[in-house]
C-alpha atoms as a PDB file:
ATOM      1  CA  MET A   1       0.000   0.000   0.000  1.00  0.00           C
ATOM      2  CA  ALA A   2       2.849   2.364   0.768  1.00  0.00           C
ATOM      3  CA  ALA A   3       4.240   1.942  -2.742  1.00  0.00           C
ATOM      4  CA  ALA A   4       0.880   2.599  -4.403  1.00  0.00           C
ATOM      5  CA  HIS A   5       0.358   5.641  -2.197  1.00  0.00           C
ATOM      6  CA  ALA A   6       3.834   6.978  -2.966  1.00  0.00           C
ATOM      7  CA  LEU A   7       3.207   6.521  -6.693  1.00  0.00           C
ATOM      8  CA  GLY A   8      -0.204   8.216  -6.528  1.00  0.00           C
ATOM      9  CA  ILE A   9      -1.981   5.029  -7.633  1.00  0.00           C
ATOM     10  CA  SER A  10      -5.379   4.415  -6.056  1.00  0.00           C
ATOM     11  CA  TYR A  11      -5.785   1.148  -4.163  1.00  0.00           C
ATOM     12  CA  ILE A  12      -7.983  -0.748  -1.781  1.00  0.00           C
ATOM     13  CA  LYS A  13      -6.873  -3.352   0.738  1.00  0.00           C
ATOM     14  CA  ILE A  14      -8.678  -6.664   0.300  1.00  0.00           C
ATOM     15  CA  GLN A  15      -8.419 -10.187   1.600  1.00  0.00           C
ATOM     16  CA  SER A  16      -8.399 -12.669  -1.243  1.00  0.00           C
ATOM     17  CA  GLY A  17      -9.190 -16.339  -1.320  1.00  0.00           C
ATOM     18  CA  ALA A  18      -6.863 -16.732  -4.296  1.00  0.00           C
ATOM     19  CA  GLY A  19      -4.489 -19.600  -3.641  1.00  0.00           C
ATOM     20  CA  LEU A  20      -2.003 -19.422  -6.451  1.00  0.00           C
ATOM     21  CA  ASP A  21       1.615 -19.978  -5.467  1.00  0.00           C
ATOM     22  CA  VAL A  22       1.335 -17.713  -2.446  1.00  0.00           C
ATOM     23  CA  GLN A  23      -0.033 -20.559  -0.341  1.00  0.00           C
ATOM     24  CA  GLU A  24       3.326 -22.287  -0.599  1.00  0.00           C
ATOM     25  CA  MET A  25       5.352 -19.095  -0.189  1.00  0.00           C
ATOM     26  CA  ALA A  26       3.421 -18.095   2.948  1.00  0.00           C
ATOM     27  CA  ALA A  27       5.357 -20.763   4.838  1.00  0.00           C
ATOM     28  CA  LEU A  28       8.512 -18.702   4.260  1.00  0.00           C
ATOM     29  CA  GLY A  29       7.179 -15.355   5.454  1.00  0.00           C
ATOM     30  CA  PRO A  30       4.573 -12.648   4.911  1.00  0.00           C
ATOM     31  CA  ILE A  31       3.189 -12.472   1.387  1.00  0.00           C
ATOM     32  CA  GLY A  32       0.932 -10.257  -0.652  1.00  0.00           C
ATOM     33  CA  LEU A  33      -0.597  -9.979  -4.090  1.00  0.00           C
ATOM     34  CA  VAL A  34      -1.061  -7.009  -6.384  1.00  0.00           C
ATOM     35  CA  PHE A  35      -4.357  -7.149  -8.231  1.00  0.00           C
ATOM     36  CA  ILE A  36      -5.047  -4.844 -11.163  1.00  0.00           C
ATOM     37  CA  PRO A  37      -8.405  -3.957 -12.709  1.00  0.00           C
ATOM     38  CA  SER A  38      -9.747  -6.118 -15.527  1.00  0.00           C
ATOM     39  CA  LYS A  39     -12.264  -4.806 -18.036  1.00  0.00           C
ATOM     40  CA  ASP A  40     -15.785  -5.582 -16.825  1.00  0.00           C
ATOM     41  CA  GLY A  41     -14.310  -7.448 -13.851  1.00  0.00           C
ATOM     42  CA  ILE A  42     -13.638 -10.531 -15.978  1.00  0.00           C
ATOM     43  CA  SER A  43     -10.708 -12.661 -14.827  1.00  0.00           C
ATOM     44  CA  HIS A  44      -9.383 -16.169 -15.448  1.00  0.00           C
ATOM     45  CA  ASN A  45     -11.191 -16.169 -18.764  1.00  0.00           C
ATOM     46  CA  PRO A  46     -10.060 -15.714 -22.393  1.00  0.00           C
ATOM     47  CA  LYS A  47     -12.061 -12.444 -22.426  1.00  0.00           C
ATOM     48  CA  GLU A  48      -9.969 -10.997 -19.586  1.00  0.00           C
ATOM     49  CA  TYR A  49      -8.344  -7.698 -20.520  1.00  0.00           C
ATOM     50  CA  SER A  50      -6.300  -5.191 -18.558  1.00  0.00           C
ATOM     51  CA  SER A  51      -4.951  -2.076 -20.217  1.00  0.00           C
ATOM     52  CA  PRO A  52      -1.220  -1.602 -20.653  1.00  0.00           C
ATOM     53  CA  SER A  53      -1.346   1.351 -18.240  1.00  0.00           C
ATOM     54  CA  GLU A  54      -3.023  -0.775 -15.534  1.00  0.00           C
ATOM     55  CA  MET A  55      -0.417  -3.506 -16.049  1.00  0.00           C
ATOM     56  CA  ALA A  56       2.357  -0.898 -15.805  1.00  0.00           C
ATOM     57  CA  ASN A  57       0.845   0.464 -12.597  1.00  0.00           C
ATOM     58  CA  GLY A  58       0.774  -3.033 -11.103  1.00  0.00           C
ATOM     59  CA  ALA A  59       4.376  -3.689 -12.112  1.00  0.00           C
ATOM     60  CA  ASN A  60       5.469  -0.346 -10.655  1.00  0.00           C
ATOM     61  CA  VAL A  61       3.707  -1.090  -7.376  1.00  0.00           C
ATOM     62  CA  MET A  62       5.513  -4.444  -7.180  1.00  0.00           C
ATOM     63  CA  LEU A  63       8.881  -2.861  -8.022  1.00  0.00           C
ATOM     64  CA  HIS A  64       8.518  -0.069  -5.498  1.00  0.00           C
ATOM     65  CA  THR A  65       7.296  -2.487  -2.826  1.00  0.00           C
ATOM     66  CA  VAL A  66      10.493  -4.509  -3.249  1.00  0.00           C
ATOM     67  CA  LEU A  67      12.573  -1.323  -3.113  1.00  0.00           C
ATOM     68  CA  LEU A  68      10.798  -0.209   0.072  1.00  0.00           C
ATOM     69  CA  LEU A  69      11.278  -3.624   1.681  1.00  0.00           C
ATOM     70  CA  ASP A  70      14.941  -3.588   0.735  1.00  0.00           C
ATOM     71  CA  ARG A  71      15.454  -0.434   2.805  1.00  0.00           C
ATOM     72  CA  ASP A  72      14.575  -2.302   6.003  1.00  0.00           C
END
């Protein structure tokens, strides 16, 4: 959240039931996911679409989160 805030990217904090690989990684330490908007809320479907700018925002949030964590 700090990275999104610092970048001026709007966000909401949610709890997700998504398993993905994070279930395995959670045994090693705290984890998190960055979700980005999909057109019409469609996900995990061939019709899923996210704009290049939304994908870039998500990638920037991930990058800046790693950079912030590296400071600690």
